[in-house]
Protein backbone atom coordinates (compact mmCIF):
# COMPACT_ATOMS: atom_id res chain seq x y z
CA MET A 1 0.00 0.00 0.00
CA SER A 2 1.37 3.41 -0.94
CA GLY A 3 2.16 6.00 1.71
CA ILE A 4 -0.49 8.47 0.54
CA ARG A 5 -3.17 5.78 0.36
CA ARG A 6 -2.26 4.61 3.87
CA ALA A 7 -2.43 8.17 5.18
CA ILE A 8 -5.85 8.75 3.65
CA LEU A 9 -7.29 5.41 4.72
CA SER A 10 -5.94 5.79 8.25
CA SER A 11 -8.63 8.43 8.84
CA ILE A 12 -11.43 5.89 8.33
CA ALA A 13 -13.60 5.44 11.40
CA THR A 14 -16.74 3.60 12.35
CA ALA A 15 -19.71 5.90 12.76
CA GLU A 16 -22.25 5.17 15.46
CA GLU A 17 -26.01 5.46 15.25
CA ASP A 18 -27.99 7.47 17.79
CA ALA A 19 -31.31 6.44 19.36
CA GLN A 20 -33.22 7.99 16.44
CA GLY A 21 -31.23 6.11 13.78
CA ARG A 22 -29.07 9.05 12.72
CA VAL A 23 -25.41 8.56 11.93
CA VAL A 24 -23.14 10.38 14.35
CA LEU A 25 -19.83 11.32 12.76
CA PRO A 26 -16.73 11.27 14.95
CA THR A 27 -15.57 14.75 15.96
CA ALA A 28 -12.12 14.25 14.42
CA LEU A 29 -13.61 13.45 11.01
CA LYS A 30 -16.00 16.41 11.17
CA ARG A 31 -13.06 18.67 11.99
CA MET A 32 -10.97 17.23 9.12
CA ALA A 33 -13.85 17.74 6.66
CA GLY A 34 -14.65 21.23 7.95
CA ILE A 35 -18.18 20.19 8.89
CA THR A 36 -19.81 22.66 11.22
CA LYS A 37 -23.46 22.59 10.13
CA ASP A 38 -24.84 21.57 6.73
CA VAL A 39 -23.57 18.54 4.82
CA VAL A 40 -23.88 17.14 1.31
CA THR A 41 -23.87 13.37 0.82
CA LEU A 42 -22.91 11.72 -2.46
CA GLY A 43 -23.27 8.09 -3.46
CA ARG A 44 -20.07 6.97 -5.20
CA GLY A 45 -20.55 3.31 -6.10
CA LYS A 46 -19.84 1.37 -2.92
CA ARG A 47 -18.82 4.53 -1.08
CA LEU A 48 -20.60 7.44 0.50
CA GLU A 49 -18.95 10.86 0.55
CA ILE A 50 -19.91 13.36 3.21
CA TRP A 51 -18.86 16.96 2.54
CA ALA A 52 -19.23 20.22 4.40
CA ALA A 53 -21.84 21.87 2.18
CA GLU A 54 -19.88 25.09 1.65
CA ARG A 55 -16.73 23.15 0.69
CA TYR A 56 -18.64 21.01 -1.79
CA TYR A 57 -20.20 23.98 -3.54
CA GLU A 58 -16.80 25.70 -3.69
CA TYR A 59 -15.37 22.52 -5.24
CA LEU A 60 -18.12 22.49 -7.88
CA GLU A 61 -17.30 26.07 -8.87
CA GLY A 62 -13.80 24.92 -9.84
CA VAL A 63 -14.88 22.00 -12.02
CA ASP A 64 -14.31 22.43 -15.76
CA TYR A 65 -17.37 20.56 -17.02
CA ASP A 66 -16.41 20.85 -20.69
CA GLU A 67 -13.06 19.22 -19.99
CA GLN A 68 -14.62 16.48 -17.88
CA LEU A 69 -17.20 15.69 -20.57
CA LYS A 70 -14.43 15.51 -23.20
CA LYS A 71 -12.59 12.97 -21.02
CA LEU A 72 -15.75 10.89 -21.00
CA GLY A 73 -16.12 11.21 -24.77
CA ILE A 74 -19.33 13.22 -24.50
């Protein structure tokens, strides 16, 4: 396993469920993701991404959709 992959995967944690069935994210992961209030969740195949909403929308502003569509042959 590469060093960068190990570093990224080392931040994986088990999330607990509260009495109402909500997923409670560990404080360290919320801090790393910059989550303070609103979140965006994305299904990515077998994975689920959880983003701080403001960070996700900032990320989308930087995406070159024309370039990405060209890479997909669209």
